[in-house]
N, C-alpha and C. Protein backbone atom coordinates (compact mmCIF):
# COMPACT_ATOMS: atom_id res chain seq x y z
N MET A 1 119.49 125.71 69.30
CA MET A 1 121.11 125.84 69.28
C MET A 1 121.44 126.28 68.05
N LEU A 2 120.54 125.54 66.75
CA LEU A 2 120.68 126.32 65.34
C LEU A 2 120.91 127.69 65.17
N GLU A 3 119.86 128.43 65.83
CA GLU A 3 119.01 129.48 65.60
C GLU A 3 120.14 130.44 66.60
N LYS A 4 120.56 129.87 67.63
CA LYS A 4 121.50 130.46 68.75
C LYS A 4 122.97 130.61 67.95
N HIS A 5 123.55 129.59 67.19
CA HIS A 5 124.69 129.90 66.71
C HIS A 5 124.49 130.64 65.47
N ALA A 6 123.18 130.93 64.62
CA ALA A 6 123.23 131.61 63.61
C ALA A 6 123.19 132.67 64.05
N GLN A 7 122.43 133.35 65.39
CA GLN A 7 122.93 134.97 65.58
C GLN A 7 124.15 135.15 66.37
N ALA A 8 124.51 134.27 66.72
CA ALA A 8 125.96 134.53 67.12
C ALA A 8 126.89 134.65 66.12
N THR A 9 126.70 134.23 64.90
CA THR A 9 127.49 134.51 63.75
C THR A 9 127.32 135.36 62.85
N ALA A 10 125.90 135.72 62.95
CA ALA A 10 125.13 136.52 61.83
C ALA A 10 126.07 138.14 61.79
N GLY A 11 126.21 138.51 60.35
CA GLY A 11 126.90 139.29 60.20
C GLY A 11 128.38 139.22 60.42
N ALA A 12 129.05 138.39 60.89
CA ALA A 12 130.44 137.95 60.82
C ALA A 12 131.21 137.23 59.51
N GLY A 13 129.72 136.98 59.03
CA GLY A 13 130.43 135.81 57.61
C GLY A 13 130.72 134.70 57.91
N ALA A 14 131.29 133.90 56.76
CA ALA A 14 131.84 132.60 56.73
C ALA A 14 133.18 132.49 57.66
N GLU A 15 134.05 133.56 57.76
CA GLU A 15 134.98 133.19 58.45
C GLU A 15 134.55 133.19 60.09
N ALA A 16 133.68 133.47 60.82
CA ALA A 16 133.45 133.57 61.84
C ALA A 16 132.37 131.79 62.38
N ALA A 17 131.58 131.88 61.03
CA ALA A 17 131.34 130.40 60.91
C ALA A 17 132.13 129.33 60.95
N ALA A 18 133.47 129.29 60.63
CA ALA A 18 134.18 128.41 60.48
C ALA A 18 134.91 127.88 61.98
N PHE A 19 134.53 128.78 62.92
CA PHE A 19 134.82 128.36 63.94
C PHE A 19 133.88 127.84 64.89
N PRO A 20 134.22 126.95 65.56
CA PRO A 20 133.24 126.10 66.52
C PRO A 20 132.54 127.04 67.70
N LEU A 21 131.09 127.02 67.81
CA LEU A 21 130.47 127.58 68.85
C LEU A 21 130.76 126.48 70.40
N GLN A 22 131.00 126.79 71.35
CA GLN A 22 130.61 125.97 72.40
C GLN A 22 129.33 126.42 73.10
N ASP A 23 128.85 125.24 73.30
CA ASP A 23 127.33 125.68 74.23
C ASP A 23 127.64 125.14 75.35
N SER A 24 126.72 125.85 76.52
CA SER A 24 126.97 125.49 78.02
C SER A 24 126.55 124.10 78.04
N GLY A 25 126.01 123.24 77.13
CA GLY A 25 126.11 121.67 77.48
C GLY A 25 127.48 120.99 76.87
N SER A 26 128.65 121.79 76.57
CA SER A 26 129.70 121.08 75.96
C SER A 26 129.52 120.45 74.72
N GLU A 27 128.65 121.06 73.85
CA GLU A 27 128.53 120.43 72.51
C GLU A 27 129.08 121.27 71.64
N ILE A 28 129.82 121.12 70.88
CA ILE A 28 130.62 121.88 69.59
C ILE A 28 129.94 121.90 68.54
N LEU A 29 129.39 123.07 67.87
CA LEU A 29 128.80 122.75 66.43
C LEU A 29 130.00 123.59 65.45
N THR A 30 130.37 122.97 64.46
CA THR A 30 131.04 123.06 63.43
C THR A 30 130.51 123.72 62.17
N ALA A 31 130.77 124.63 61.38
CA ALA A 31 130.32 125.16 60.11
C ALA A 31 129.80 123.93 59.34
N ARG A 32 130.41 122.51 59.49
CA ARG A 32 130.16 121.37 58.77
C ARG A 32 128.61 121.02 59.66
N ASP A 33 128.57 121.04 60.92
CA ASP A 33 127.62 120.57 61.37
C ASP A 33 126.10 121.94 61.05
N MET A 34 126.62 122.88 60.93
CA MET A 34 125.52 124.05 60.44
C MET A 34 125.01 123.49 59.07
N CYS A 35 125.80 123.19 57.98
CA CYS A 35 125.54 123.17 56.69
C CYS A 35 124.87 122.01 56.73
N VAL A 36 124.87 120.87 57.36
CA VAL A 36 124.36 119.71 57.33
C VAL A 36 122.88 119.61 57.83
N ALA A 37 122.80 120.81 59.00
CA ALA A 37 121.48 120.75 59.49
C ALA A 37 120.69 121.67 58.64
N TYR A 38 121.36 122.74 58.15
CA TYR A 38 120.29 123.22 57.23
C TYR A 38 119.40 122.93 55.92
N CYS A 39 120.97 121.99 55.57
CA CYS A 39 120.46 121.25 54.27
C CYS A 39 118.99 120.27 54.55
N SER A 40 119.30 119.93 55.54
CA SER A 40 118.12 118.91 56.28
C SER A 40 116.82 119.82 56.52
N VAL A 41 116.81 120.82 56.67
CA VAL A 41 116.26 121.95 57.04
C VAL A 41 115.30 122.25 55.57
N ALA A 42 116.11 122.49 54.77
CA ALA A 42 115.74 122.98 53.34
C ALA A 42 115.05 121.60 52.84
N GLU A 43 115.79 120.60 52.68
CA GLU A 43 115.14 119.19 51.97
C GLU A 43 113.78 118.87 52.81
N ILE A 44 113.62 119.26 54.13
CA ILE A 44 112.28 118.69 54.72
C ILE A 44 111.06 119.95 53.88
N TYR A 45 111.53 121.27 54.25
CA TYR A 45 110.35 121.99 53.52
C TYR A 45 110.55 121.82 52.18
N PHE A 46 111.36 121.15 51.12
CA PHE A 46 111.38 121.17 49.72
C PHE A 46 110.31 119.95 49.36
N THR A 47 110.24 119.09 50.33
CA THR A 47 109.64 117.58 50.10
C THR A 47 108.28 117.57 51.08
N ASP A 48 108.68 117.28 51.90
CA ASP A 48 107.36 117.00 53.20
C ASP A 48 106.70 118.04 53.28
N LEU A 49 107.34 119.38 53.79
CA LEU A 49 106.30 120.58 53.95
C LEU A 49 105.90 121.24 52.78
N CYS A 50 106.00 120.92 51.46
CA CYS A 50 106.22 121.80 50.44
C CYS A 50 104.76 122.61 50.38
N MET A 51 103.67 121.61 50.90
CA MET A 51 102.27 122.30 50.88
C MET A 51 102.08 123.46 51.84
N GLU A 52 102.85 123.31 53.05
CA GLU A 52 102.66 124.62 53.88
C GLU A 52 103.06 125.67 53.80
N ASP A 53 102.24 126.98 53.90
CA ASP A 53 102.20 128.17 53.64
C ASP A 53 103.96 128.94 53.92
N ARG A 54 104.59 129.47 52.69
CA ARG A 54 105.84 129.77 52.77
C ARG A 54 106.74 128.76 52.86
N ALA A 55 106.69 127.43 52.80
CA ALA A 55 107.32 126.76 52.74
C ALA A 55 108.37 126.84 51.51
N GLY A 56 108.21 127.41 50.42
CA GLY A 56 109.30 127.71 49.77
C GLY A 56 110.27 128.64 50.09
N ASP A 57 109.85 129.82 50.76
CA ASP A 57 110.98 130.95 51.42
C ASP A 57 111.54 130.29 52.45
N GLN A 58 110.79 129.25 53.07
CA GLN A 58 111.55 128.48 54.23
C GLN A 58 112.55 127.57 53.87
N CYS A 59 112.46 127.26 52.73
CA CYS A 59 113.38 126.30 51.95
C CYS A 59 114.65 126.95 51.20
N ARG A 60 114.39 128.14 50.80
CA ARG A 60 115.38 128.99 50.22
C ARG A 60 116.35 129.72 51.16
N ASP A 61 115.45 129.98 52.30
CA ASP A 61 116.22 130.82 53.61
C ASP A 61 117.27 129.91 53.90
N ALA A 62 116.56 128.36 54.14
CA ALA A 62 118.02 127.48 54.85
C ALA A 62 118.91 127.13 53.91
N ILE A 63 118.44 127.04 52.54
CA ILE A 63 119.69 126.91 51.66
C ILE A 63 120.77 127.98 51.81
N GLU A 64 120.23 129.60 51.57
CA GLU A 64 121.16 130.53 51.79
C GLU A 64 122.09 130.34 52.95
N ARG A 65 121.49 130.03 53.98
CA ARG A 65 122.02 130.31 55.43
C ARG A 65 123.16 129.34 55.53
N VAL A 66 123.14 127.89 54.34
CA VAL A 66 124.41 127.15 54.01
C VAL A 66 125.14 127.79 53.47
N LEU A 67 124.89 128.43 52.62
CA LEU A 67 125.67 129.30 51.84
C LEU A 67 126.47 130.04 52.51
N THR A 68 126.23 130.87 53.59
CA THR A 68 126.70 131.74 54.21
C THR A 68 127.89 131.11 54.91
N TYR A 69 127.86 130.06 55.27
CA TYR A 69 128.61 129.30 56.05
C TYR A 69 129.83 128.64 55.05
N HIS A 70 129.26 128.08 54.12
CA HIS A 70 130.03 127.14 53.24
C HIS A 70 129.88 128.05 51.72
N PRO A 71 130.07 128.67 50.74
CA PRO A 71 129.80 128.97 49.71
C PRO A 71 129.82 128.26 48.79
N ASP A 72 130.67 127.51 49.00
CA ASP A 72 131.24 126.29 47.67
C ASP A 72 130.42 124.92 48.09
N ASN A 73 129.52 124.76 49.17
CA ASN A 73 129.05 123.39 49.60
C ASN A 73 128.34 122.77 48.53
N PRO A 74 128.75 121.72 47.78
CA PRO A 74 128.34 120.91 46.84
C PRO A 74 126.84 120.70 46.94
N GLU A 75 126.24 120.23 48.15
CA GLU A 75 124.89 119.95 48.64
C GLU A 75 124.03 121.00 48.13
N ALA A 76 124.43 121.88 49.41
CA ALA A 76 123.63 123.20 49.26
C ALA A 76 123.49 123.84 47.90
N LEU A 77 124.58 123.80 46.69
CA LEU A 77 124.61 124.43 45.73
C LEU A 77 123.29 123.74 44.67
N GLN A 78 123.79 122.56 44.80
CA GLN A 78 122.89 121.42 44.34
C GLN A 78 121.43 121.49 45.12
N LEU A 79 120.62 121.99 46.13
CA LEU A 79 119.79 122.14 46.07
C LEU A 79 119.37 123.30 46.10
N MET A 80 119.83 124.31 45.99
CA MET A 80 119.68 125.53 45.42
C MET A 80 119.12 125.44 43.89
N ALA A 81 119.79 124.78 43.10
CA ALA A 81 119.77 124.53 41.76
C ALA A 81 118.20 123.55 41.60
N SER A 82 117.97 122.52 42.41
CA SER A 82 116.91 122.08 42.59
C SER A 82 115.34 122.84 42.75
N TYR A 83 115.69 123.92 43.69
CA TYR A 83 114.88 124.55 44.32
C TYR A 83 114.25 125.49 43.16
N LEU A 84 115.38 125.97 42.13
CA LEU A 84 115.19 127.04 41.42
C LEU A 84 114.70 126.37 40.01
N PHE A 85 114.61 124.81 39.90
CA PHE A 85 114.34 124.20 38.81
C PHE A 85 112.78 124.15 39.16
N SER A 86 112.31 124.09 40.36
CA SER A 86 110.89 123.91 40.85
C SER A 86 110.66 125.06 40.47
N THR A 87 110.74 126.31 40.84
CA THR A 87 110.30 127.60 40.56
C THR A 87 110.34 128.22 39.10
N GLU A 88 111.02 127.13 38.30
CA GLU A 88 111.08 127.63 36.54
C GLU A 88 112.03 128.63 36.42
N LYS A 89 113.07 128.57 37.27
CA LYS A 89 113.79 129.80 37.06
C LYS A 89 115.54 128.89 36.38
N ASN A 90 115.16 128.21 35.37
CA ASN A 90 115.97 127.33 35.18
C ASN A 90 117.25 127.50 34.75
N GLN A 91 117.45 129.06 34.22
CA GLN A 91 118.68 129.24 33.79
C GLN A 91 119.79 129.34 35.13
N GLU A 92 119.15 130.50 36.32
CA GLU A 92 119.67 130.25 37.57
C GLU A 92 120.00 128.71 37.82
N GLY A 93 119.14 128.02 38.11
CA GLY A 93 119.06 126.84 38.77
C GLY A 93 120.48 125.84 37.72
N ARG A 94 120.62 126.30 36.50
CA ARG A 94 121.86 125.70 35.78
C ARG A 94 123.09 126.10 36.51
N GLU A 95 123.10 127.35 36.79
CA GLU A 95 124.24 128.04 36.92
C GLU A 95 124.85 127.44 38.70
N TYR A 96 123.86 127.18 39.30
CA TYR A 96 124.06 126.56 40.67
C TYR A 96 124.44 125.08 40.53
N LEU A 97 123.81 124.59 39.90
CA LEU A 97 124.02 123.02 39.45
C LEU A 97 125.26 122.74 38.93
N MET A 98 125.95 123.64 38.11
CA MET A 98 127.05 123.81 37.53
C MET A 98 128.28 124.12 38.56
N ARG A 99 128.22 125.20 39.10
CA ARG A 99 129.04 125.66 40.56
C ARG A 99 128.83 124.51 41.46
N SER A 100 128.00 123.40 41.68
CA SER A 100 127.95 122.37 42.28
C SER A 100 129.03 121.36 41.95
N VAL A 101 128.78 121.12 40.50
CA VAL A 101 129.84 119.78 39.78
C VAL A 101 130.78 120.40 39.92
N ASP A 102 131.32 121.72 39.58
CA ASP A 102 132.49 122.19 39.46
C ASP A 102 133.03 122.31 41.30
N ALA A 103 132.59 122.02 42.03
CA ALA A 103 133.27 121.87 43.17
C ALA A 103 133.49 120.95 43.65
N TRP A 104 133.27 119.56 43.20
CA TRP A 104 133.80 118.48 43.50
C TRP A 104 134.60 117.40 42.04
N LEU A 105 133.65 117.31 41.10
CA LEU A 105 133.86 116.60 40.38
C LEU A 105 135.14 116.92 39.88
N PRO A 106 135.87 117.74 39.31
CA PRO A 106 137.49 117.94 38.89
C PRO A 106 138.17 117.20 39.78
N ALA A 107 138.22 117.32 41.16
CA ALA A 107 139.05 116.37 41.82
C ALA A 107 138.58 115.13 41.63
N LEU A 108 137.50 114.39 41.56
CA LEU A 108 137.28 113.30 41.38
C LEU A 108 137.92 112.63 40.19
N LYS A 109 137.67 113.17 38.72
CA LYS A 109 138.35 113.20 37.55
C LYS A 109 139.75 112.86 37.61
N GLN A 110 140.59 113.50 38.76
CA GLN A 110 142.02 113.44 38.58
C GLN A 110 142.80 112.40 39.00
N SER A 111 141.99 111.49 39.67
CA SER A 111 142.35 110.38 40.34
C SER A 111 142.98 109.71 39.00
N ASP A 112 143.84 108.41 39.43
CA ASP A 112 144.09 107.60 38.49
C ASP A 112 143.46 106.36 38.26
N ALA A 113 142.74 105.82 39.20
CA ALA A 113 141.89 104.92 39.09
C ALA A 113 140.71 105.32 39.51
N PRO A 114 139.39 104.68 38.81
CA PRO A 114 138.16 105.14 39.48
C PRO A 114 137.96 104.44 40.84
N PRO A 115 137.70 105.14 41.38
CA PRO A 115 137.14 104.94 42.89
C PRO A 115 136.14 104.22 43.20
N SER A 116 136.25 103.26 44.08
CA SER A 116 135.25 102.45 44.33
C SER A 116 134.09 103.24 45.39
N ARG A 117 132.81 102.94 45.32
CA ARG A 117 131.90 103.30 46.14
C ARG A 117 132.32 103.71 47.43
N GLU A 118 132.73 102.74 48.24
CA GLU A 118 133.37 102.61 49.44
C GLU A 118 134.40 103.80 49.73
N ASP A 119 135.36 103.83 48.75
CA ASP A 119 136.53 105.01 48.52
C ASP A 119 135.86 106.34 48.63
N ILE A 120 134.80 106.57 47.46
CA ILE A 120 134.15 107.84 47.70
C ILE A 120 133.61 108.12 48.91
N GLU A 121 132.72 107.08 49.73
CA GLU A 121 132.13 107.53 50.89
C GLU A 121 133.13 107.76 51.93
N GLU A 122 134.16 106.95 52.09
CA GLU A 122 135.38 107.45 53.10
C GLU A 122 135.60 109.05 52.73
N GLU A 123 136.36 109.09 51.12
CA GLU A 123 136.51 110.18 51.15
C GLU A 123 135.63 111.58 51.38
N HIS A 124 134.16 111.06 51.30
CA HIS A 124 133.01 112.34 51.74
C HIS A 124 133.22 113.01 53.15
N THR A 125 133.74 111.91 53.87
CA THR A 125 134.11 112.58 55.16
C THR A 125 135.14 113.34 55.59
N GLN A 126 136.17 113.10 54.39
CA GLN A 126 137.26 113.80 54.66
C GLN A 126 137.59 114.90 53.92
N SER A 127 136.66 114.91 52.49
CA SER A 127 136.79 116.02 51.54
C SER A 127 135.29 116.52 51.05
N GLY A 128 135.55 117.14 50.14
CA GLY A 128 134.10 117.95 49.68
C GLY A 128 133.36 116.91 48.74
N PHE A 129 133.24 115.75 48.78
CA PHE A 129 132.57 114.99 48.00
C PHE A 129 131.27 114.52 48.36
N PRO A 130 130.06 115.03 47.80
CA PRO A 130 128.83 114.99 48.26
C PRO A 130 128.57 112.88 48.28
N PRO A 131 127.67 112.88 49.24
CA PRO A 131 127.04 111.28 49.67
C PRO A 131 126.72 110.91 48.10
N TYR A 132 126.91 109.61 48.02
CA TYR A 132 126.04 108.64 46.75
C TYR A 132 124.92 109.36 46.61
N GLU A 133 123.97 109.40 47.26
CA GLU A 133 122.58 109.98 47.00
C GLU A 133 122.85 110.97 46.33
N SER A 134 123.19 112.08 47.04
CA SER A 134 123.45 113.26 46.28
C SER A 134 124.08 113.31 44.94
N ARG A 135 125.01 112.49 44.78
CA ARG A 135 125.28 112.21 43.31
C ARG A 135 124.52 111.73 42.36
N ILE A 136 123.64 111.04 42.95
CA ILE A 136 122.70 110.49 41.64
C ILE A 136 121.75 111.23 41.49
N THR A 137 121.17 112.40 42.52
CA THR A 137 120.22 113.45 42.13
C THR A 137 121.11 114.46 41.44
N MET A 138 122.29 114.72 41.56
CA MET A 138 123.11 115.60 40.68
C MET A 138 123.15 115.10 39.19
N ALA A 139 122.91 113.71 39.22
CA ALA A 139 122.87 112.84 37.60
C ALA A 139 121.57 113.24 37.33
N LYS A 140 120.51 113.06 37.81
CA LYS A 140 119.02 113.48 37.44
C LYS A 140 119.23 114.70 36.84
N LEU A 141 119.60 115.80 38.02
CA LEU A 141 119.45 117.31 37.62
C LEU A 141 120.13 117.75 36.27
N LEU A 142 121.50 116.93 36.29
CA LEU A 142 121.91 117.29 35.04
C LEU A 142 121.53 116.87 33.61
N ILE A 143 120.86 115.78 33.71
CA ILE A 143 120.24 115.11 32.63
C ILE A 143 119.03 116.34 32.34
N GLU A 144 117.93 116.85 33.48
CA GLU A 144 117.20 117.52 33.29
C GLU A 144 117.68 118.88 32.88
N ALA A 145 118.80 119.44 33.09
CA ALA A 145 119.49 120.30 32.66
C ALA A 145 119.97 120.47 31.24
N GLU A 146 119.72 119.47 30.60
CA GLU A 146 120.79 118.85 29.40
C GLU A 146 121.82 119.18 29.47
N GLU A 147 122.63 119.02 30.24
CA GLU A 147 124.05 119.19 30.44
C GLU A 147 124.93 117.60 30.79
N TYR A 148 124.41 116.82 29.38
CA TYR A 148 125.11 115.60 29.00
C TYR A 148 126.18 115.04 29.01
N GLU A 149 126.96 116.20 28.97
CA GLU A 149 128.73 115.90 28.94
C GLU A 149 129.22 116.03 30.57
N GLN A 150 128.53 116.23 31.17
CA GLN A 150 128.87 116.50 32.58
C GLN A 150 128.55 115.15 33.19
């Protein structure tokens, strides 16, 4: 089903991906669904299937697909940064990492009181905040990239 939607939106760019595709099974895929699915595929190739032939290429392809649906997706940008760090492309990885942070951290800093974990998790479903686990990974990557101020 993912491939069917990807083929249907290929060449049409992010605008086409923003509109849901209705399948004969009356399931509606949104661009957010596509992003989550491709991020999951990338994670699998990055971790569990990392020793398979072309795993790195498959991982990068999945991340790039997410970025065609949502170029500012913080989780996809973070995944790309992690992938690039693992391939020793540190400067390019740092750029993706900073784009990821810039996609959600300023909005979080603008709030008056520090939000609780529950507040952030609720906002994650309604906004662009990455989930808690992703933010922890982000902190580790920022340390690895020596971006201590962030």
